[in-house]
PDB file of N, CA and C in Angstrom:
ATOM      1  N   MET A   1     144.573-120.860 136.567  1.00  0.00           N
ATOM      2  CA  MET A   1     145.075-120.414 135.293  1.00  0.00           C
ATOM      3  C   MET A   1     143.910-120.277 134.307  1.00  0.00           C
ATOM      4  N   ILE A   2     144.055-119.329 133.416  1.00  0.00           N
ATOM      5  CA  ILE A   2     143.079-119.116 132.360  1.00  0.00           C
ATOM      6  C   ILE A   2     143.785-119.328 131.031  1.00  0.00           C
ATOM      7  N   GLN A   3     143.242-120.210 130.225  1.00  0.00           N
ATOM      8  CA  GLN A   3     143.782-120.484 128.889  1.00  0.00           C
ATOM      9  C   GLN A   3     143.121-119.527 127.914  1.00  0.00           C
ATOM     10  N   VAL A   4     143.915-118.762 127.176  1.00  0.00           N
ATOM     11  CA  VAL A   4     143.389-117.770 126.245  1.00  0.00           C
ATOM     12  C   VAL A   4     143.812-118.162 124.835  1.00  0.00           C
ATOM     13  N   LYS A   5     142.842-118.207 123.919  1.00  0.00           N
ATOM     14  CA  LYS A   5     143.112-118.597 122.534  1.00  0.00           C
ATOM     15  C   LYS A   5     142.709-117.474 121.591  1.00  0.00           C
ATOM     16  N   PHE A   6     143.494-117.321 120.517  1.00  0.00           N
ATOM     17  CA  PHE A   6     143.248-116.293 119.507  1.00  0.00           C
ATOM     18  C   PHE A   6     143.103-116.958 118.152  1.00  0.00           C
ATOM     19  N   PHE A   7     142.174-116.474 117.352  1.00  0.00           N
ATOM     20  CA  PHE A   7     141.913-117.078 116.054  1.00  0.00           C
ATOM     21  C   PHE A   7     142.052-116.062 114.927  1.00  0.00           C
ATOM     22  N   ALA A   8     142.393-116.587 113.748  1.00  0.00           N
ATOM     23  CA  ALA A   8     142.454-115.846 112.473  1.00  0.00           C
ATOM     24  C   ALA A   8     143.337-114.603 112.592  1.00  0.00           C
ATOM     25  N   SER A   9     142.816-113.457 112.197  1.00  0.00           N
ATOM     26  CA  SER A   9     143.632-112.239 112.153  1.00  0.00           C
ATOM     27  C   SER A   9     144.121-111.801 113.530  1.00  0.00           C
ATOM     28  N   LEU A  10     143.396-112.148 114.582  1.00  0.00           N
ATOM     29  CA  LEU A  10     143.873-111.820 115.933  1.00  0.00           C
ATOM     30  C   LEU A  10     145.149-112.588 116.247  1.00  0.00           C
ATOM     31  N   ARG A  11     145.182-113.838 115.872  1.00  0.00           N
ATOM     32  CA  ARG A  11     146.381-114.659 116.080  1.00  0.00           C
ATOM     33  C   ARG A  11     147.560-114.038 115.335  1.00  0.00           C
ATOM     34  N   GLU A  12     147.321-113.605 114.120  1.00  0.00           N
ATOM     35  CA  GLU A  12     148.384-112.987 113.322  1.00  0.00           C
ATOM     36  C   GLU A  12     148.842-111.665 113.935  1.00  0.00           C
ATOM     37  N   ARG A  13     147.906-110.843 114.348  1.00  0.00           N
ATOM     38  CA  ARG A  13     148.259-109.529 114.897  1.00  0.00           C
ATOM     39  C   ARG A  13     149.009-109.645 116.225  1.00  0.00           C
ATOM     40  N   LEU A  14     148.602-110.591 117.063  1.00  0.00           N
ATOM     41  CA  LEU A  14     149.249-110.766 118.366  1.00  0.00           C
ATOM     42  C   LEU A  14     150.493-111.657 118.291  1.00  0.00           C
ATOM     43  N   GLY A  15     150.620-112.397 117.198  1.00  0.00           N
ATOM     44  CA  GLY A  15     151.796-113.237 117.025  1.00  0.00           C
ATOM     45  C   GLY A  15     151.818-114.475 117.894  1.00  0.00           C
ATOM     46  N   VAL A  16     150.653-114.881 118.371  1.00  0.00           N
ATOM     47  CA  VAL A  16     150.566-116.061 119.236  1.00  0.00           C
ATOM     48  C   VAL A  16     149.167-116.668 119.099  1.00  0.00           C
ATOM     49  N   ALA A  17     149.085-117.990 119.171  1.00  0.00           N
ATOM     50  CA  ALA A  17     147.794-118.677 119.068  1.00  0.00           C
ATOM     51  C   ALA A  17     147.113-118.816 120.421  1.00  0.00           C
ATOM     52  N   GLU A  18     147.911-118.913 121.479  1.00  0.00           N
ATOM     53  CA  GLU A  18     147.322-119.045 122.810  1.00  0.00           C
ATOM     54  C   GLU A  18     148.311-118.631 123.878  1.00  0.00           C
ATOM     55  N   ARG A  19     147.747-118.298 125.028  1.00  0.00           N
ATOM     56  CA  ARG A  19     148.537-117.948 126.213  1.00  0.00           C
ATOM     57  C   ARG A  19     147.837-118.498 127.436  1.00  0.00           C
ATOM     58  N   THR A  20     148.602-118.704 128.465  1.00  0.00           N
ATOM     59  CA  THR A  20     148.051-119.104 129.754  1.00  0.00           C
ATOM     60  C   THR A  20     148.364-117.994 130.747  1.00  0.00           C
ATOM     61  N   LEU A  21     147.333-117.541 131.465  1.00  0.00           N
ATOM     62  CA  LEU A  21     147.486-116.444 132.409  1.00  0.00           C
ATOM     63  C   LEU A  21     147.078-116.886 133.802  1.00  0.00           C
ATOM     64  N   PRO A  22     147.741-116.371 134.832  1.00  0.00           N
ATOM     65  CA  PRO A  22     147.258-116.621 136.191  1.00  0.00           C
ATOM     66  C   PRO A  22     145.892-115.957 136.370  1.00  0.00           C
ATOM     67  N   ALA A  23     144.997-116.618 137.042  1.00  0.00           N
ATOM     68  CA  ALA A  23     143.626-116.127 137.186  1.00  0.00           C
ATOM     69  C   ALA A  23     143.499-114.941 138.139  1.00  0.00           C
ATOM     70  N   GLU A  24     144.454-114.776 139.027  1.00  0.00           N
ATOM     71  CA  GLU A  24     144.344-113.688 139.992  1.00  0.00           C
ATOM     72  C   GLU A  24     144.327-112.331 139.297  1.00  0.00           C
ATOM     73  N   ASN A  25     143.478-111.449 139.769  1.00  0.00           N
ATOM     74  CA  ASN A  25     143.284-110.097 139.238  1.00  0.00           C
ATOM     75  C   ASN A  25     142.611-110.064 137.868  1.00  0.00           C
ATOM     76  N   LEU A  26     142.141-111.186 137.356  1.00  0.00           N
ATOM     77  CA  LEU A  26     141.381-111.209 136.107  1.00  0.00           C
ATOM     78  C   LEU A  26     139.940-111.576 136.466  1.00  0.00           C
ATOM     79  N   HIS A  27     139.067-110.595 136.338  1.00  0.00           N
ATOM     80  CA  HIS A  27     137.682-110.800 136.773  1.00  0.00           C
ATOM     81  C   HIS A  27     136.689-110.865 135.627  1.00  0.00           C
ATOM     82  N   THR A  28     137.006-110.174 134.521  1.00  0.00           N
ATOM     83  CA  THR A  28     136.094-110.127 133.378  1.00  0.00           C
ATOM     84  C   THR A  28     136.865-110.382 132.082  1.00  0.00           C
ATOM     85  N   ILE A  29     136.120-110.562 131.000  1.00  0.00           N
ATOM     86  CA  ILE A  29     136.718-110.695 129.675  1.00  0.00           C
ATOM     87  C   ILE A  29     137.582-109.477 129.367  1.00  0.00           C
ATOM     88  N   SER A  30     137.115-108.301 129.722  1.00  0.00           N
ATOM     89  CA  SER A  30     137.880-107.082 129.472  1.00  0.00           C
ATOM     90  C   SER A  30     139.229-107.118 130.188  1.00  0.00           C
ATOM     91  N   ASP A  31     139.264-107.649 131.407  1.00  0.00           N
ATOM     92  CA  ASP A  31     140.528-107.787 132.139  1.00  0.00           C
ATOM     93  C   ASP A  31     141.478-108.722 131.406  1.00  0.00           C
ATOM     94  N   VAL A  32     140.943-109.826 130.900  1.00  0.00           N
ATOM     95  CA  VAL A  32     141.777-110.789 130.162  1.00  0.00           C
ATOM     96  C   VAL A  32     142.351-110.117 128.923  1.00  0.00           C
ATOM     97  N   TRP A  33     141.506-109.402 128.170  1.00  0.00           N
ATOM     98  CA  TRP A  33     141.977-108.721 126.965  1.00  0.00           C
ATOM     99  C   TRP A  33     143.105-107.745 127.304  1.00  0.00           C
ATOM    100  N   SER A  34     142.928-106.954 128.348  1.00  0.00           N
ATOM    101  CA  SER A  34     143.948-105.984 128.736  1.00  0.00           C
ATOM    102  C   SER A  34     145.268-106.652 129.099  1.00  0.00           C
ATOM    103  N   ALA A  35     145.204-107.870 129.604  1.00  0.00           N
ATOM    104  CA  ALA A  35     146.413-108.597 129.986  1.00  0.00           C
ATOM    105  C   ALA A  35     147.163-109.173 128.794  1.00  0.00           C
ATOM    106  N   VAL A  36     146.494-109.329 127.660  1.00  0.00           N
ATOM    107  CA  VAL A  36     147.124-110.000 126.505  1.00  0.00           C
ATOM    108  C   VAL A  36     147.354-109.101 125.300  1.00  0.00           C
ATOM    109  N   ALA A  37     146.688-107.964 125.226  1.00  0.00           N
ATOM    110  CA  ALA A  37     146.780-107.126 124.023  1.00  0.00           C
ATOM    111  C   ALA A  37     147.186-105.700 124.383  1.00  0.00           C
ATOM    112  N   ASP A  38     147.926-105.080 123.494  1.00  0.00           N
ATOM    113  CA  ASP A  38     148.356-103.699 123.711  1.00  0.00           C
ATOM    114  C   ASP A  38     147.536-102.715 122.872  1.00  0.00           C
ATOM    115  N   PHE A  39     146.346-103.139 122.451  1.00  0.00           N
ATOM    116  CA  PHE A  39     145.430-102.280 121.722  1.00  0.00           C
ATOM    117  C   PHE A  39     144.014-102.540 122.220  1.00  0.00           C
ATOM    118  N   ALA A  40     143.137-101.582 121.979  1.00  0.00           N
ATOM    119  CA  ALA A  40     141.761-101.684 122.479  1.00  0.00           C
ATOM    120  C   ALA A  40     141.042-102.887 121.872  1.00  0.00           C
ATOM    121  N   MET A  41     140.164-103.474 122.676  1.00  0.00           N
ATOM    122  CA  MET A  41     139.375-104.600 122.195  1.00  0.00           C
ATOM    123  C   MET A  41     138.421-104.115 121.100  1.00  0.00           C
ATOM    124  N   PRO A  42     138.484-104.714 119.909  1.00  0.00           N
ATOM    125  CA  PRO A  42     137.571-104.299 118.837  1.00  0.00           C
ATOM    126  C   PRO A  42     136.104-104.444 119.264  1.00  0.00           C
ATOM    127  N   ALA A  43     135.300-103.481 118.867  1.00  0.00           N
ATOM    128  CA  ALA A  43     133.891-103.468 119.273  1.00  0.00           C
ATOM    129  C   ALA A  43     133.128-104.687 118.786  1.00  0.00           C
ATOM    130  N   ASN A  44     133.507-105.229 117.631  1.00  0.00           N
ATOM    131  CA  ASN A  44     132.770-106.352 117.064  1.00  0.00           C
ATOM    132  C   ASN A  44     133.443-107.706 117.308  1.00  0.00           C
ATOM    133  N   LEU A  45     134.320-107.768 118.293  1.00  0.00           N
ATOM    134  CA  LEU A  45     135.014-109.004 118.633  1.00  0.00           C
ATOM    135  C   LEU A  45     134.048-110.030 119.227  1.00  0.00           C
ATOM    136  N   LEU A  46     134.172-111.278 118.832  1.00  0.00           N
ATOM    137  CA  LEU A  46     133.387-112.362 119.425  1.00  0.00           C
ATOM    138  C   LEU A  46     134.230-113.038 120.492  1.00  0.00           C
ATOM    139  N   VAL A  47     133.593-113.383 121.612  1.00  0.00           N
ATOM    140  CA  VAL A  47     134.300-113.989 122.741  1.00  0.00           C
ATOM    141  C   VAL A  47     133.525-115.206 123.226  1.00  0.00           C
ATOM    142  N   ALA A  48     134.252-116.270 123.549  1.00  0.00           N
ATOM    143  CA  ALA A  48     133.628-117.464 124.126  1.00  0.00           C
ATOM    144  C   ALA A  48     134.381-117.852 125.390  1.00  0.00           C
ATOM    145  N   ILE A  49     133.623-118.315 126.364  1.00  0.00           N
ATOM    146  CA  ILE A  49     134.203-118.930 127.563  1.00  0.00           C
ATOM    147  C   ILE A  49     133.728-120.370 127.576  1.00  0.00           C
ATOM    148  N   ASN A  50     134.681-121.280 127.588  1.00  0.00           N
ATOM    149  CA  ASN A  50     134.366-122.707 127.612  1.00  0.00           C
ATOM    150  C   ASN A  50     133.358-123.083 126.525  1.00  0.00           C
ATOM    151  N   HIS A  51     133.569-122.526 125.322  1.00  0.00           N
ATOM    152  CA  HIS A  51     132.799-122.828 124.109  1.00  0.00           C
ATOM    153  C   HIS A  51     131.410-122.201 124.072  1.00  0.00           C
ATOM    154  N   ASP A  52     131.107-121.280 124.978  1.00  0.00           N
ATOM    155  CA  ASP A  52     129.834-120.554 124.959  1.00  0.00           C
ATOM    156  C   ASP A  52     130.110-119.077 124.734  1.00  0.00           C
ATOM    157  N   TYR A  53     129.444-118.472 123.736  1.00  0.00           N
ATOM    158  CA  TYR A  53     129.643-117.050 123.474  1.00  0.00           C
ATOM    159  C   TYR A  53     129.117-116.217 124.639  1.00  0.00           C
ATOM    160  N   VAL A  54     129.895-115.189 124.994  1.00  0.00           N
ATOM    161  CA  VAL A  54     129.559-114.311 126.121  1.00  0.00           C
ATOM    162  C   VAL A  54     129.886-112.870 125.752  1.00  0.00           C
ATOM    163  N   GLY A  55     129.443-111.944 126.592  1.00  0.00           N
ATOM    164  CA  GLY A  55     129.757-110.525 126.419  1.00  0.00           C
ATOM    165  C   GLY A  55     131.062-110.170 127.101  1.00  0.00           C
ATOM    166  N   ARG A  56     131.584-109.005 126.773  1.00  0.00           N
ATOM    167  CA  ARG A  56     132.896-108.603 127.293  1.00  0.00           C
ATOM    168  C   ARG A  56     132.893-108.315 128.793  1.00  0.00           C
ATOM    169  N   ASP A  57     131.725-108.142 129.400  1.00  0.00           N
ATOM    170  CA  ASP A  57     131.655-107.930 130.847  1.00  0.00           C
ATOM    171  C   ASP A  57     131.434-109.220 131.622  1.00  0.00           C
ATOM    172  N   HIS A  58     131.396-110.332 130.909  1.00  0.00           N
ATOM    173  CA  HIS A  58     131.192-111.630 131.551  1.00  0.00           C
ATOM    174  C   HIS A  58     132.362-111.937 132.481  1.00  0.00           C
ATOM    175  N   SER A  59     132.081-112.566 133.599  1.00  0.00           N
ATOM    176  CA  SER A  59     133.148-112.898 134.550  1.00  0.00           C
ATOM    177  C   SER A  59     133.918-114.134 134.090  1.00  0.00           C
ATOM    178  N   VAL A  60     135.175-114.206 134.514  1.00  0.00           N
ATOM    179  CA  VAL A  60     136.027-115.365 134.240  1.00  0.00           C
ATOM    180  C   VAL A  60     136.457-115.976 135.561  1.00  0.00           C
ATOM    181  N   SER A  61     136.757-117.269 135.514  1.00  0.00           N
ATOM    182  CA  SER A  61     137.168-117.998 136.706  1.00  0.00           C
ATOM    183  C   SER A  61     138.389-118.849 136.408  1.00  0.00           C
ATOM    184  N   ASP A  62     139.086-119.191 137.449  1.00  0.00           N
ATOM    185  CA  ASP A  62     140.234-120.077 137.320  1.00  0.00           C
ATOM    186  C   ASP A  62     139.800-121.361 136.607  1.00  0.00           C
ATOM    187  N   GLY A  63     140.565-121.782 135.613  1.00  0.00           N
ATOM    188  CA  GLY A  63     140.248-122.980 134.854  1.00  0.00           C
ATOM    189  C   GLY A  63     139.479-122.734 133.570  1.00  0.00           C
ATOM    190  N   ASP A  64     139.033-121.498 133.351  1.00  0.00           N
ATOM    191  CA  ASP A  64     138.283-121.183 132.132  1.00  0.00           C
ATOM    192  C   ASP A  64     139.179-121.172 130.898  1.00  0.00           C
ATOM    193  N   GLU A  65     138.563-121.466 129.754  1.00  0.00           N
ATOM    194  CA  GLU A  65     139.187-121.261 128.457  1.00  0.00           C
ATOM    195  C   GLU A  65     138.464-120.093 127.801  1.00  0.00           C
ATOM    196  N   VAL A  66     139.211-119.053 127.475  1.00  0.00           N
ATOM    197  CA  VAL A  66     138.654-117.865 126.838  1.00  0.00           C
ATOM    198  C   VAL A  66     139.164-117.825 125.406  1.00  0.00           C
ATOM    199  N   ALA A  67     138.264-117.666 124.450  1.00  0.00           N
ATOM    200  CA  ALA A  67     138.639-117.610 123.043  1.00  0.00           C
ATOM    201  C   ALA A  67     138.155-116.310 122.430  1.00  0.00           C
ATOM    202  N   PHE A  68     139.050-115.669 121.674  1.00  0.00           N
ATOM    203  CA  PHE A  68     138.735-114.418 120.980  1.00  0.00           C
ATOM    204  C   PHE A  68     138.721-114.676 119.484  1.00  0.00           C
ATOM    205  N   PHE A  69     137.630-114.245 118.841  1.00  0.00           N
ATOM    206  CA  PHE A  69     137.446-114.451 117.395  1.00  0.00           C
ATOM    207  C   PHE A  69     137.161-113.114 116.732  1.00  0.00           C
ATOM    208  N   PRO A  70     137.831-112.808 115.621  1.00  0.00           N
ATOM    209  CA  PRO A  70     137.426-111.627 114.872  1.00  0.00           C
ATOM    210  C   PRO A  70     136.082-111.920 114.210  1.00  0.00           C
ATOM    211  N   PRO A  71     135.333-110.885 113.849  1.00  0.00           N
ATOM    212  CA  PRO A  71     134.049-111.144 113.179  1.00  0.00           C
ATOM    213  C   PRO A  71     134.282-111.882 111.855  1.00  0.00           C
ATOM    214  N   VAL A  72     133.353-112.735 111.524  1.00  0.00           N
ATOM    215  CA  VAL A  72     133.463-113.539 110.313  1.00  0.00           C
ATOM    216  C   VAL A  72     132.552-112.963 109.244  1.00  0.00           C
ATOM    217  N   THR A  73     133.078-112.831 108.043  1.00  0.00           N
ATOM    218  CA  THR A  73     132.250-112.394 106.924  1.00  0.00           C
ATOM    219  C   THR A  73     132.392-113.423 105.822  1.00  0.00           C
ATOM    220  N   GLY A  74     131.463-113.440 104.979  1.00  0.00           N
ATOM    221  CA  GLY A  74     131.532-114.412 103.886  1.00  0.00           C
ATOM    222  C   GLY A  74     130.444-114.122 102.860  1.00  0.00           C
ATOM    223  N   GLY A  75     130.450-114.918 101.867  1.00  0.00           N
ATOM    224  CA  GLY A  75     129.444-114.666 100.853  1.00  0.00           C
ATOM    225  C   GLY A  75     129.151-115.904 100.059  1.00  0.00           C
TER     226      GLY A  75
END
């Protein structure tokens, strides 16, 4: 299983804070995104696997925690 977490505006847009997905047929971050969202992955989205930031082509494995963060701005 892969635990998927959404933060800030992504959580609001998807209407859920987290989901658990079967790991089979999920090979990359892009695969995980396609399984949970009905819109294209934003180009500036931040992604972490097990608390380490990774790129969208990074591989995922059974037992991973994947977190999606919208870009943060501030001043």
